[in-house]
Amino acid sequence: MEPIFKNEAAPQHRLVLVLFFSVALIFFDHQLGTFDTFRGYLQSVVSPLQYIANTPKQIMTWASDNLMSRRLLIEENQQYKIEELKFKQQLQELTILKQENKRLRTLLTSPVRPNIKKMVAEIISVNNDPYSLQVVINRGTNDGVYEGQPIIDDQGIVGQILHVGTNSSRVLLITDLSHALPVRIQRNGVRLIATGSGRLDRLTHNFVPHSTDIHTGDLLVTSGLGGKFPEDYPVAKVLSVTQDESRPFAHVISEPVAQLDRLRYLLLLWPLKQHSIFSSKPTHKKVSKIVPKGNKKPFKKKSKQGSNNAL
């Protein structure tokens, strides 16, 4: 049973008592340094609480820094990947340009005679017909191309112009079934006819007598007959010579020196016209006398006899 009346100190008395003890503690601490040791122990006890209270802030700061760093790393990594792709593309283009430059240098250093005009052409399409070995180049009548014009690469004869357009032309390769080329053996000068076989790596030679001095490995060059191709350009190398006495002629097969399945750049040739030793000498025209405009008829002096007769 609780008492009806409680004897408790008033709040004002409690406040005064607390202030008194506070002032007394401050005075003794300041003057005597009594609580230094106690303050050290109390700081040791409170330090873990301070660390615990500061932990959320540190975690948030660490997480924010890590997220920003990760985002920056991701962006930088993406940028580096894009730059790497660009560099790889440029490297591929540089490699292609080096290869094309090497091909053009090799093509321009091919054995072209000094009295022959030349022009580089590029293949823009290849005929898909397996029975017609033709390619299309990016040169036409605007560049002075004409039908029957010889074409070579850095190795030897490739073919000749079949049809000419304004900006493009169609080339008939030497291995086409409809193509034939007069050649000769470079070793001894024996003349043959190189006929296309329909294969890019084969040429056939018909009507070769068994007594012909021809061997495997002989180099065949243009003979210059017919006026289509210049003389002494490499055409093919003899692969096999089959001499069957039951047949009237030997069977000769050769391989073109030009890599017809890897053509990219070609060289057009223009043989320059040379003065023939049988050409007639130039005739010198007589120079006519200049007559003054006023005198249409030449002036004639009258003879003395004429003057006497007139008298």
C-alpha atoms as a PDB file:
ATOM      1  CA  MET A   1       0.000   0.000   0.000  1.00  0.00           C
ATOM      2  CA  GLU A   2       1.537   3.296  -1.123  1.00  0.00           C
ATOM      3  CA  PRO A   3       1.620   6.287   1.208  1.00  0.00           C
ATOM      4  CA  ILE A   4      -0.655   9.106   0.393  1.00  0.00           C
ATOM      5  CA  PHE A   5       1.945  11.812   0.942  1.00  0.00           C
ATOM      6  CA  LYS A   6       5.440  11.435  -0.500  1.00  0.00           C
ATOM      7  CA  ASN A   7       8.348  13.361   0.894  1.00  0.00           C
ATOM      8  CA  GLU A   8      10.436  14.038  -2.246  1.00  0.00           C
ATOM      9  CA  ALA A   9      12.758  16.943  -3.029  1.00  0.00           C
ATOM     10  CA  ALA A  10      11.461  19.618  -5.266  1.00  0.00           C
ATOM     11  CA  PRO A  11      12.896  19.905  -8.783  1.00  0.00           C
ATOM     12  CA  GLN A  12      14.486  23.203  -7.883  1.00  0.00           C
ATOM     13  CA  HIS A  13      16.373  21.548  -5.038  1.00  0.00           C
ATOM     14  CA  ARG A  14      17.563  18.806  -7.366  1.00  0.00           C
ATOM     15  CA  LEU A  15      18.859  21.345  -9.871  1.00  0.00           C
ATOM     16  CA  VAL A  16      20.732  23.268  -7.222  1.00  0.00           C
ATOM     17  CA  LEU A  17      22.280  20.071  -5.903  1.00  0.00           C
ATOM     18  CA  VAL A  18      23.432  18.975  -9.385  1.00  0.00           C
ATOM     19  CA  LEU A  19      24.920  22.391 -10.102  1.00  0.00           C
ATOM     20  CA  PHE A  20      26.780  22.338  -6.805  1.00  0.00           C
ATOM     21  CA  PHE A  21      28.322  18.937  -7.511  1.00  0.00           C
ATOM     22  CA  SER A  22      29.221  20.027 -11.048  1.00  0.00           C
ATOM     23  CA  VAL A  23      30.993  23.156  -9.834  1.00  0.00           C
ATOM     24  CA  ALA A  24      32.801  21.154  -7.192  1.00  0.00           C
ATOM     25  CA  LEU A  25      33.992  18.573  -9.766  1.00  0.00           C
ATOM     26  CA  ILE A  26      35.171  21.290 -12.118  1.00  0.00           C
ATOM     27  CA  PHE A  27      37.047  23.037  -9.344  1.00  0.00           C
ATOM     28  CA  PHE A  28      38.801  19.908  -8.073  1.00  0.00           C
ATOM     29  CA  ASP A  29      39.633  18.748 -11.615  1.00  0.00           C
ATOM     30  CA  HIS A  30      41.055  22.109 -12.601  1.00  0.00           C
ATOM     31  CA  GLN A  31      43.019  22.753  -9.419  1.00  0.00           C
ATOM     32  CA  LEU A  32      44.086  19.301  -8.298  1.00  0.00           C
ATOM     33  CA  GLY A  33      43.911  17.203 -11.536  1.00  0.00           C
ATOM     34  CA  THR A  34      42.176  14.461  -9.677  1.00  0.00           C
ATOM     35  CA  PHE A  35      40.168  13.102 -12.638  1.00  0.00           C
ATOM     36  CA  ASP A  36      42.965  12.838 -15.249  1.00  0.00           C
ATOM     37  CA  THR A  37      43.420   9.132 -14.693  1.00  0.00           C
ATOM     38  CA  PHE A  38      39.707   8.564 -14.572  1.00  0.00           C
ATOM     39  CA  ARG A  39      39.267  10.572 -17.773  1.00  0.00           C
ATOM     40  CA  GLY A  40      41.821   8.330 -19.525  1.00  0.00           C
ATOM     41  CA  TYR A  41      39.973   5.191 -18.487  1.00  0.00           C
ATOM     42  CA  LEU A  42      36.681   6.764 -19.545  1.00  0.00           C
ATOM     43  CA  GLN A  43      38.152   7.710 -22.963  1.00  0.00           C
ATOM     44  CA  SER A  44      39.284   4.132 -23.438  1.00  0.00           C
ATOM     45  CA  VAL A  45      35.799   2.912 -22.686  1.00  0.00           C
ATOM     46  CA  VAL A  46      34.126   5.453 -25.001  1.00  0.00           C
ATOM     47  CA  SER A  47      36.527   5.033 -27.968  1.00  0.00           C
ATOM     48  CA  PRO A  48      34.894   1.849 -29.312  1.00  0.00           C
ATOM     49  CA  LEU A  49      31.546   3.576 -29.208  1.00  0.00           C
ATOM     50  CA  GLN A  50      32.967   6.454 -31.253  1.00  0.00           C
ATOM     51  CA  TYR A  51      34.348   4.023 -33.811  1.00  0.00           C
ATOM     52  CA  ILE A  52      31.013   2.230 -33.971  1.00  0.00           C
ATOM     53  CA  ALA A  53      29.166   5.523 -34.384  1.00  0.00           C
ATOM     54  CA  ASN A  54      31.575   6.613 -37.179  1.00  0.00           C
ATOM     55  CA  THR A  55      31.412   3.254 -39.016  1.00  0.00           C
ATOM     56  CA  PRO A  56      28.255   3.976 -41.117  1.00  0.00           C
ATOM     57  CA  LYS A  57      29.797   7.183 -42.426  1.00  0.00           C
ATOM     58  CA  GLN A  58      33.022   5.411 -43.346  1.00  0.00           C
ATOM     59  CA  ILE A  59      31.093   2.633 -45.044  1.00  0.00           C
ATOM     60  CA  MET A  60      29.061   5.109 -47.088  1.00  0.00           C
ATOM     61  CA  THR A  61      32.198   7.043 -48.074  1.00  0.00           C
ATOM     62  CA  TRP A  62      34.028   3.841 -49.047  1.00  0.00           C
ATOM     63  CA  ALA A  63      31.048   2.566 -51.041  1.00  0.00           C
ATOM     64  CA  SER A  64      30.644   5.888 -52.837  1.00  0.00           C
ATOM     65  CA  ASP A  65      34.347   6.050 -53.718  1.00  0.00           C
ATOM     66  CA  ASN A  66      34.354   2.457 -54.917  1.00  0.00           C
ATOM     67  CA  LEU A  67      31.234   2.920 -57.017  1.00  0.00           C
ATOM     68  CA  MET A  68      32.628   6.055 -58.619  1.00  0.00           C
ATOM     69  CA  SER A  69      35.992   4.401 -59.207  1.00  0.00           C
ATOM     70  CA  ARG A  70      34.324   1.329 -60.703  1.00  0.00           C
ATOM     71  CA  ARG A  71      32.157   3.453 -62.957  1.00  0.00           C
ATOM     72  CA  LEU A  72      35.166   5.450 -64.108  1.00  0.00           C
ATOM     73  CA  LEU A  73      37.094   2.238 -64.705  1.00  0.00           C
ATOM     74  CA  ILE A  74      34.226   0.801 -66.734  1.00  0.00           C
ATOM     75  CA  GLU A  75      33.982   3.969 -68.833  1.00  0.00           C
ATOM     76  CA  GLU A  76      37.743   4.099 -69.358  1.00  0.00           C
ATOM     77  CA  ASN A  77      37.803   0.408 -70.238  1.00  0.00           C
ATOM     78  CA  GLN A  78      35.026   0.909 -72.778  1.00  0.00           C
ATOM     79  CA  GLN A  79      36.853   3.870 -74.273  1.00  0.00           C
ATOM     80  CA  TYR A  80      40.066   1.855 -74.496  1.00  0.00           C
ATOM     81  CA  LYS A  81      38.192  -0.964 -76.243  1.00  0.00           C
ATOM     82  CA  ILE A  82      36.788   1.467 -78.820  1.00  0.00           C
ATOM     83  CA  GLU A  83      40.236   2.964 -79.417  1.00  0.00           C
ATOM     84  CA  GLU A  84      41.703  -0.530 -79.694  1.00  0.00           C
ATOM     85  CA  LEU A  85      39.157  -1.418 -82.376  1.00  0.00           C
ATOM     86  CA  LYS A  86      40.008   1.775 -84.255  1.00  0.00           C
ATOM     87  CA  PHE A  87      43.718   1.017 -84.035  1.00  0.00           C
ATOM     88  CA  LYS A  88      43.144  -2.550 -85.244  1.00  0.00           C
ATOM     89  CA  GLN A  89      41.106  -1.248 -88.177  1.00  0.00           C
ATOM     90  CA  GLN A  90      43.841   1.249 -89.029  1.00  0.00           C
ATOM     91  CA  LEU A  91      46.421  -1.529 -88.730  1.00  0.00           C
ATOM     92  CA  GLN A  92      44.428  -3.692 -91.140  1.00  0.00           C
ATOM     93  CA  GLU A  93      44.105  -0.789 -93.580  1.00  0.00           C
ATOM     94  CA  LEU A  94      47.828  -0.120 -93.274  1.00  0.00           C
ATOM     95  CA  THR A  95      48.592  -3.774 -93.947  1.00  0.00           C
ATOM     96  CA  ILE A  96      46.314  -3.744 -97.004  1.00  0.00           C
ATOM     97  CA  LEU A  97      47.938  -0.539 -98.261  1.00  0.00           C
ATOM     98  CA  LYS A  98      51.388  -2.047 -97.785  1.00  0.00           C
ATOM     99  CA  GLN A  99      50.373  -5.130 -99.764  1.00  0.00           C
ATOM    100  CA  GLU A 100      48.843  -3.014-102.552  1.00  0.00           C
ATOM    101  CA  ASN A 101      51.906  -0.774-102.588  1.00  0.00           C
ATOM    102  CA  LYS A 102      54.139  -3.839-102.860  1.00  0.00           C
ATOM    103  CA  ARG A 103      52.014  -5.213-105.728  1.00  0.00           C
ATOM    104  CA  LEU A 104      52.095  -1.889-107.578  1.00  0.00           C
ATOM    105  CA  ARG A 105      55.840  -1.555-107.120  1.00  0.00           C
ATOM    106  CA  THR A 106      56.340  -5.087-108.399  1.00  0.00           C
ATOM    107  CA  LEU A 107      53.989  -4.385-111.307  1.00  0.00           C
ATOM    108  CA  LEU A 108      55.725  -1.140-112.255  1.00  0.00           C
ATOM    109  CA  THR A 109      59.121  -2.830-112.156  1.00  0.00           C
ATOM    110  CA  SER A 110      57.987  -5.537-114.598  1.00  0.00           C
ATOM    111  CA  PRO A 111      60.166  -5.887-117.720  1.00  0.00           C
ATOM    112  CA  VAL A 112      58.448  -3.255-119.867  1.00  0.00           C
ATOM    113  CA  ARG A 113      60.441  -1.891-122.750  1.00  0.00           C
ATOM    114  CA  PRO A 114      61.268   1.805-122.648  1.00  0.00           C
ATOM    115  CA  ASN A 115      59.498   2.483-125.961  1.00  0.00           C
ATOM    116  CA  ILE A 116      56.144   1.176-124.675  1.00  0.00           C
ATOM    117  CA  LYS A 117      53.592   3.310-122.864  1.00  0.00           C
ATOM    118  CA  LYS A 118      51.978   1.677-119.809  1.00  0.00           C
ATOM    119  CA  MET A 119      49.058   2.299-117.445  1.00  0.00           C
ATOM    120  CA  VAL A 120      47.969   0.564-114.250  1.00  0.00           C
ATOM    121  CA  ALA A 121      44.423  -0.866-114.140  1.00  0.00           C
ATOM    122  CA  GLU A 122      42.477  -2.531-111.347  1.00  0.00           C
ATOM    123  CA  ILE A 123      40.130  -5.497-111.652  1.00  0.00           C
ATOM    124  CA  ILE A 124      36.605  -4.570-110.570  1.00  0.00           C
ATOM    125  CA  SER A 125      34.772  -7.826-111.330  1.00  0.00           C
ATOM    126  CA  VAL A 126      35.338 -11.400-112.471  1.00  0.00           C
ATOM    127  CA  ASN A 127      33.144 -13.333-114.888  1.00  0.00           C
ATOM    128  CA  ASN A 128      31.293 -16.122-113.049  1.00  0.00           C
ATOM    129  CA  ASP A 129      30.837 -18.205-116.197  1.00  0.00           C
ATOM    130  CA  PRO A 130      33.113 -21.265-115.798  1.00  0.00           C
ATOM    131  CA  TYR A 131      33.377 -21.604-119.584  1.00  0.00           C
ATOM    132  CA  SER A 132      34.503 -18.017-120.161  1.00  0.00           C
ATOM    133  CA  LEU A 133      37.642 -16.759-118.395  1.00  0.00           C
ATOM    134  CA  GLN A 134      37.203 -12.996-118.435  1.00  0.00           C
ATOM    135  CA  VAL A 135      37.662 -10.090-116.020  1.00  0.00           C
ATOM    136  CA  VAL A 136      36.571  -6.439-116.036  1.00  0.00           C
ATOM    137  CA  ILE A 137      38.984  -3.569-115.387  1.00  0.00           C
ATOM    138  CA  ASN A 138      38.399   0.100-114.530  1.00  0.00           C
ATOM    139  CA  ARG A 139      39.831   1.533-117.756  1.00  0.00           C
ATOM    140  CA  GLY A 140      37.986   2.379-120.960  1.00  0.00           C
ATOM    141  CA  THR A 141      37.949   4.607-124.010  1.00  0.00           C
ATOM    142  CA  ASN A 142      38.396   7.683-121.813  1.00  0.00           C
ATOM    143  CA  ASP A 143      41.839   6.292-120.960  1.00  0.00           C
ATOM    144  CA  GLY A 144      42.719   5.403-124.564  1.00  0.00           C
ATOM    145  CA  VAL A 145      42.056   1.654-124.250  1.00  0.00           C
ATOM    146  CA  TYR A 146      41.411  -0.196-127.510  1.00  0.00           C
ATOM    147  CA  GLU A 147      40.285  -3.705-128.463  1.00  0.00           C
ATOM    148  CA  GLY A 148      43.067  -6.245-128.721  1.00  0.00           C
ATOM    149  CA  GLN A 149      45.356  -4.259-126.402  1.00  0.00           C
ATOM    150  CA  PRO A 150      47.844  -6.506-124.549  1.00  0.00           C
ATOM    151  CA  ILE A 151      47.726  -6.751-120.765  1.00  0.00           C
ATOM    152  CA  ILE A 152      50.419  -8.068-118.425  1.00  0.00           C
ATOM    153  CA  ASP A 153      51.072  -8.334-114.708  1.00  0.00           C
ATOM    154  CA  ASP A 154      54.332  -8.400-112.769  1.00  0.00           C
ATOM    155  CA  GLN A 155      55.048 -11.952-114.028  1.00  0.00           C
ATOM    156  CA  GLY A 156      54.051 -12.011-117.682  1.00  0.00           C
ATOM    157  CA  ILE A 157      51.252 -11.969-120.248  1.00  0.00           C
ATOM    158  CA  VAL A 158      47.689 -12.024-118.837  1.00  0.00           C
ATOM    159  CA  GLY A 159      45.437 -11.502-121.865  1.00  0.00           C
ATOM    160  CA  GLN A 160      44.048  -8.847-124.154  1.00  0.00           C
ATOM    161  CA  ILE A 161      41.142  -6.407-124.277  1.00  0.00           C
ATOM    162  CA  LEU A 162      37.999  -8.030-125.667  1.00  0.00           C
ATOM    163  CA  HIS A 163      35.384  -5.259-125.360  1.00  0.00           C
ATOM    164  CA  VAL A 164      35.892  -1.597-124.518  1.00  0.00           C
ATOM    165  CA  GLY A 165      33.452   0.642-122.664  1.00  0.00           C
ATOM    166  CA  THR A 166      33.623   4.260-121.635  1.00  0.00           C
ATOM    167  CA  ASN A 167      35.007   3.688-118.145  1.00  0.00           C
ATOM    168  CA  SER A 168      35.571  -0.085-118.089  1.00  0.00           C
ATOM    169  CA  SER A 169      36.752  -2.870-120.359  1.00  0.00           C
ATOM    170  CA  ARG A 170      36.475  -6.639-120.535  1.00  0.00           C
ATOM    171  CA  VAL A 171      39.705  -8.659-120.634  1.00  0.00           C
ATOM    172  CA  LEU A 172      40.008 -12.094-122.217  1.00  0.00           C
ATOM    173  CA  LEU A 173      42.549 -14.226-120.354  1.00  0.00           C
ATOM    174  CA  ILE A 174      45.083 -16.301-122.270  1.00  0.00           C
ATOM    175  CA  THR A 175      43.706 -19.545-120.796  1.00  0.00           C
ATOM    176  CA  ASP A 176      40.224 -18.998-122.247  1.00  0.00           C
ATOM    177  CA  LEU A 177      39.142 -21.648-124.740  1.00  0.00           C
ATOM    178  CA  SER A 178      38.735 -19.059-127.488  1.00  0.00           C
ATOM    179  CA  HIS A 179      42.170 -17.508-127.059  1.00  0.00           C
ATOM    180  CA  ALA A 180      45.358 -18.423-128.951  1.00  0.00           C
ATOM    181  CA  LEU A 181      48.748 -16.767-128.664  1.00  0.00           C
ATOM    182  CA  PRO A 182      51.878 -17.167-130.859  1.00  0.00           C
ATOM    183  CA  VAL A 183      54.871 -17.970-128.650  1.00  0.00           C
ATOM    184  CA  ARG A 184      58.390 -19.298-129.023  1.00  0.00           C
ATOM    185  CA  ILE A 185      60.777 -21.279-126.854  1.00  0.00           C
ATOM    186  CA  GLN A 186      63.232 -18.853-125.315  1.00  0.00           C
ATOM    187  CA  ARG A 187      66.031 -21.447-125.347  1.00  0.00           C
ATOM    188  CA  ASN A 188      66.074 -22.151-129.083  1.00  0.00           C
ATOM    189  CA  GLY A 189      63.469 -19.880-130.717  1.00  0.00           C
ATOM    190  CA  VAL A 190      61.117 -22.670-131.887  1.00  0.00           C
ATOM    191  CA  ARG A 191      57.656 -21.193-132.536  1.00  0.00           C
ATOM    192  CA  LEU A 192      54.448 -22.653-131.061  1.00  0.00           C
ATOM    193  CA  ILE A 193      50.829 -21.703-130.542  1.00  0.00           C
ATOM    194  CA  ALA A 194      49.579 -21.423-126.947  1.00  0.00           C
ATOM    195  CA  THR A 195      45.860 -22.216-126.804  1.00  0.00           C
ATOM    196  CA  GLY A 196      43.606 -21.787-123.788  1.00  0.00           C
ATOM    197  CA  SER A 197      42.367 -24.931-122.075  1.00  0.00           C
ATOM    198  CA  GLY A 198      39.511 -23.446-120.043  1.00  0.00           C
ATOM    199  CA  ARG A 199      41.568 -23.782-116.827  1.00  0.00           C
ATOM    200  CA  LEU A 200      43.407 -20.885-115.203  1.00  0.00           C
ATOM    201  CA  ASP A 201      46.593 -22.904-114.749  1.00  0.00           C
ATOM    202  CA  ARG A 202      46.832 -24.693-118.108  1.00  0.00           C
ATOM    203  CA  LEU A 203      47.774 -23.916-121.693  1.00  0.00           C
ATOM    204  CA  THR A 204      47.873 -26.479-124.498  1.00  0.00           C
ATOM    205  CA  HIS A 205      50.089 -26.529-127.581  1.00  0.00           C
ATOM    206  CA  ASN A 206      48.700 -28.344-130.609  1.00  0.00           C
ATOM    207  CA  PHE A 207      50.388 -29.518-133.792  1.00  0.00           C
ATOM    208  CA  VAL A 208      53.834 -29.889-132.215  1.00  0.00           C
ATOM    209  CA  PRO A 209      55.944 -32.391-134.239  1.00  0.00           C
ATOM    210  CA  HIS A 210      57.678 -35.188-132.372  1.00  0.00           C
ATOM    211  CA  SER A 211      61.025 -33.902-133.569  1.00  0.00           C
ATOM    212  CA  THR A 212      60.564 -30.495-131.922  1.00  0.00           C
ATOM    213  CA  ASP A 213      63.313 -29.601-129.447  1.00  0.00           C
ATOM    214  CA  ILE A 214      61.128 -28.878-126.415  1.00  0.00           C
ATOM    215  CA  HIS A 215      61.629 -30.030-122.830  1.00  0.00           C
ATOM    216  CA  THR A 216      59.890 -29.745-119.479  1.00  0.00           C
ATOM    217  CA  GLY A 217      60.781 -26.444-117.809  1.00  0.00           C
ATOM    218  CA  ASP A 218      61.340 -24.491-121.025  1.00  0.00           C
ATOM    219  CA  LEU A 219      60.179 -20.881-120.825  1.00  0.00           C
ATOM    220  CA  LEU A 220      57.778 -19.755-123.534  1.00  0.00           C
ATOM    221  CA  VAL A 221      57.779 -16.085-124.511  1.00  0.00           C
ATOM    222  CA  THR A 222      55.789 -14.026-126.985  1.00  0.00           C
ATOM    223  CA  SER A 223      57.082 -14.252-130.537  1.00  0.00           C
ATOM    224  CA  GLY A 224      55.722 -10.870-131.673  1.00  0.00           C
ATOM    225  CA  LEU A 225      53.983 -12.420-134.684  1.00  0.00           C
ATOM    226  CA  GLY A 226      50.559 -11.010-135.458  1.00  0.00           C
ATOM    227  CA  GLY A 227      51.347  -7.622-133.950  1.00  0.00           C
ATOM    228  CA  LYS A 228      49.063  -8.061-130.932  1.00  0.00           C
ATOM    229  CA  PHE A 229      51.627  -8.749-128.226  1.00  0.00           C
ATOM    230  CA  PRO A 230      55.124  -7.265-127.947  1.00  0.00           C
ATOM    231  CA  GLU A 231      58.021  -9.656-128.352  1.00  0.00           C
ATOM    232  CA  ASP A 232      59.914 -11.561-125.620  1.00  0.00           C
ATOM    233  CA  TYR A 233      57.364 -11.257-122.797  1.00  0.00           C
ATOM    234  CA  PRO A 234      57.093 -14.359-120.540  1.00  0.00           C
ATOM    235  CA  VAL A 235      53.968 -16.437-121.171  1.00  0.00           C
ATOM    236  CA  ALA A 236      54.278 -19.934-119.671  1.00  0.00           C
ATOM    237  CA  LYS A 237      56.573 -22.745-118.570  1.00  0.00           C
ATOM    238  CA  VAL A 238      56.345 -26.217-120.083  1.00  0.00           C
ATOM    239  CA  LEU A 239      54.915 -28.747-117.620  1.00  0.00           C
ATOM    240  CA  SER A 240      54.881 -31.937-119.664  1.00  0.00           C
ATOM    241  CA  VAL A 241      55.768 -33.211-123.115  1.00  0.00           C
ATOM    242  CA  THR A 242      54.082 -36.468-124.130  1.00  0.00           C
ATOM    243  CA  GLN A 243      55.390 -38.083-127.293  1.00  0.00           C
ATOM    244  CA  ASP A 244      53.164 -40.936-128.419  1.00  0.00           C
ATOM    245  CA  GLU A 245      54.242 -42.372-131.764  1.00  0.00           C
ATOM    246  CA  SER A 246      50.684 -43.559-132.408  1.00  0.00           C
ATOM    247  CA  ARG A 247      49.650 -39.908-132.643  1.00  0.00           C
ATOM    248  CA  PRO A 248      50.795 -37.519-135.358  1.00  0.00           C
ATOM    249  CA  PHE A 249      51.814 -34.775-132.917  1.00  0.00           C
ATOM    250  CA  ALA A 250      53.242 -34.504-129.415  1.00  0.00           C
ATOM    251  CA  HIS A 251      51.015 -33.433-126.533  1.00  0.00           C
ATOM    252  CA  VAL A 252      52.507 -30.381-124.793  1.00  0.00           C
ATOM    253  CA  ILE A 253      51.053 -28.698-121.696  1.00  0.00           C
ATOM    254  CA  SER A 254      52.353 -25.526-120.069  1.00  0.00           C
ATOM    255  CA  GLU A 255      51.489 -23.385-117.042  1.00  0.00           C
ATOM    256  CA  PRO A 256      51.082 -19.589-117.321  1.00  0.00           C
ATOM    257  CA  VAL A 257      53.700 -17.614-115.411  1.00  0.00           C
ATOM    258  CA  ALA A 258      51.043 -15.045-114.471  1.00  0.00           C
ATOM    259  CA  GLN A 259      48.956 -15.998-111.431  1.00  0.00           C
ATOM    260  CA  LEU A 260      45.589 -15.654-113.127  1.00  0.00           C
ATOM    261  CA  ASP A 261      43.643 -16.723-110.041  1.00  0.00           C
ATOM    262  CA  ARG A 262      45.197 -13.940-107.907  1.00  0.00           C
ATOM    263  CA  LEU A 263      44.996 -10.954-110.218  1.00  0.00           C
ATOM    264  CA  ARG A 264      44.335  -7.539-108.669  1.00  0.00           C
ATOM    265  CA  TYR A 265      46.308  -4.961-110.632  1.00  0.00           C
ATOM    266  CA  LEU A 266      47.205  -5.165-114.313  1.00  0.00           C
ATOM    267  CA  LEU A 267      49.343  -3.195-116.705  1.00  0.00           C
ATOM    268  CA  LEU A 268      48.047  -1.940-120.062  1.00  0.00           C
ATOM    269  CA  LEU A 269      50.593  -1.602-122.845  1.00  0.00           C
ATOM    270  CA  TRP A 270      50.640   0.849-125.758  1.00  0.00           C
ATOM    271  CA  PRO A 271      53.362  -0.001-128.302  1.00  0.00           C
ATOM    272  CA  LEU A 272      54.706   3.247-129.705  1.00  0.00           C
ATOM    273  CA  LYS A 273      54.798   3.604-133.490  1.00  0.00           C
ATOM    274  CA  GLN A 274      58.265   3.326-134.921  1.00  0.00           C
ATOM    275  CA  HIS A 275      59.466   4.625-138.297  1.00  0.00           C
ATOM    276  CA  SER A 276      59.897   1.784-140.752  1.00  0.00           C
ATOM    277  CA  ILE A 277      63.076   1.517-142.794  1.00  0.00           C
ATOM    278  CA  PHE A 278      60.883   1.041-145.886  1.00  0.00           C
ATOM    279  CA  SER A 279      58.931   4.257-145.392  1.00  0.00           C
ATOM    280  CA  SER A 280      59.262   6.772-148.187  1.00  0.00           C
ATOM    281  CA  LYS A 281      61.334   9.864-147.648  1.00  0.00           C
ATOM    282  CA  PRO A 282      59.441  13.044-146.963  1.00  0.00           C
ATOM    283  CA  THR A 283      58.915  15.142-150.093  1.00  0.00           C
ATOM    284  CA  HIS A 284      59.824  18.799-150.009  1.00  0.00           C
ATOM    285  CA  LYS A 285      57.155  21.079-151.436  1.00  0.00           C
ATOM    286  CA  LYS A 286      58.125  23.974-153.696  1.00  0.00           C
ATOM    287  CA  VAL A 287      57.717  27.341-152.120  1.00  0.00           C
ATOM    288  CA  SER A 288      55.442  29.536-154.180  1.00  0.00           C
ATOM    289  CA  LYS A 289      56.385  33.126-154.843  1.00  0.00           C
ATOM    290  CA  ILE A 290      54.545  35.786-152.969  1.00  0.00           C
ATOM    291  CA  VAL A 291      52.682  38.170-155.253  1.00  0.00           C
ATOM    292  CA  PRO A 292      51.672  41.572-153.931  1.00  0.00           C
ATOM    293  CA  LYS A 293      47.970  42.124-153.486  1.00  0.00           C
ATOM    294  CA  GLY A 294      47.818  45.035-155.855  1.00  0.00           C
ATOM    295  CA  ASN A 295      49.585  43.280-158.711  1.00  0.00           C
ATOM    296  CA  LYS A 296      47.618  40.197-159.681  1.00  0.00           C
ATOM    297  CA  LYS A 297      49.709  39.749-162.856  1.00  0.00           C
ATOM    298  CA  PRO A 298      53.476  39.938-162.962  1.00  0.00           C
ATOM    299  CA  PHE A 299      54.901  43.085-164.528  1.00  0.00           C
ATOM    300  CA  LYS A 300      56.535  42.624-167.955  1.00  0.00           C
ATOM    301  CA  LYS A 301      58.957  45.013-169.514  1.00  0.00           C
ATOM    302  CA  LYS A 302      58.265  46.027-173.104  1.00  0.00           C
ATOM    303  CA  SER A 303      60.957  45.192-175.599  1.00  0.00           C
ATOM    304  CA  LYS A 304      62.507  47.794-177.788  1.00  0.00           C
ATOM    305  CA  GLN A 305      61.109  46.119-180.902  1.00  0.00           C
ATOM    306  CA  GLY A 306      57.674  46.186-179.434  1.00  0.00           C
ATOM    307  CA  SER A 307      57.983  49.840-178.697  1.00  0.00           C
ATOM    308  CA  ASN A 308      59.230  50.593-182.209  1.00  0.00           C
ATOM    309  CA  ASN A 309      56.348  48.654-183.702  1.00  0.00           C
ATOM    310  CA  ALA A 310      53.983  50.633-181.563  1.00  0.00           C
ATOM    311  CA  LEU A 311      55.455  53.806-182.893  1.00  0.00           C
END
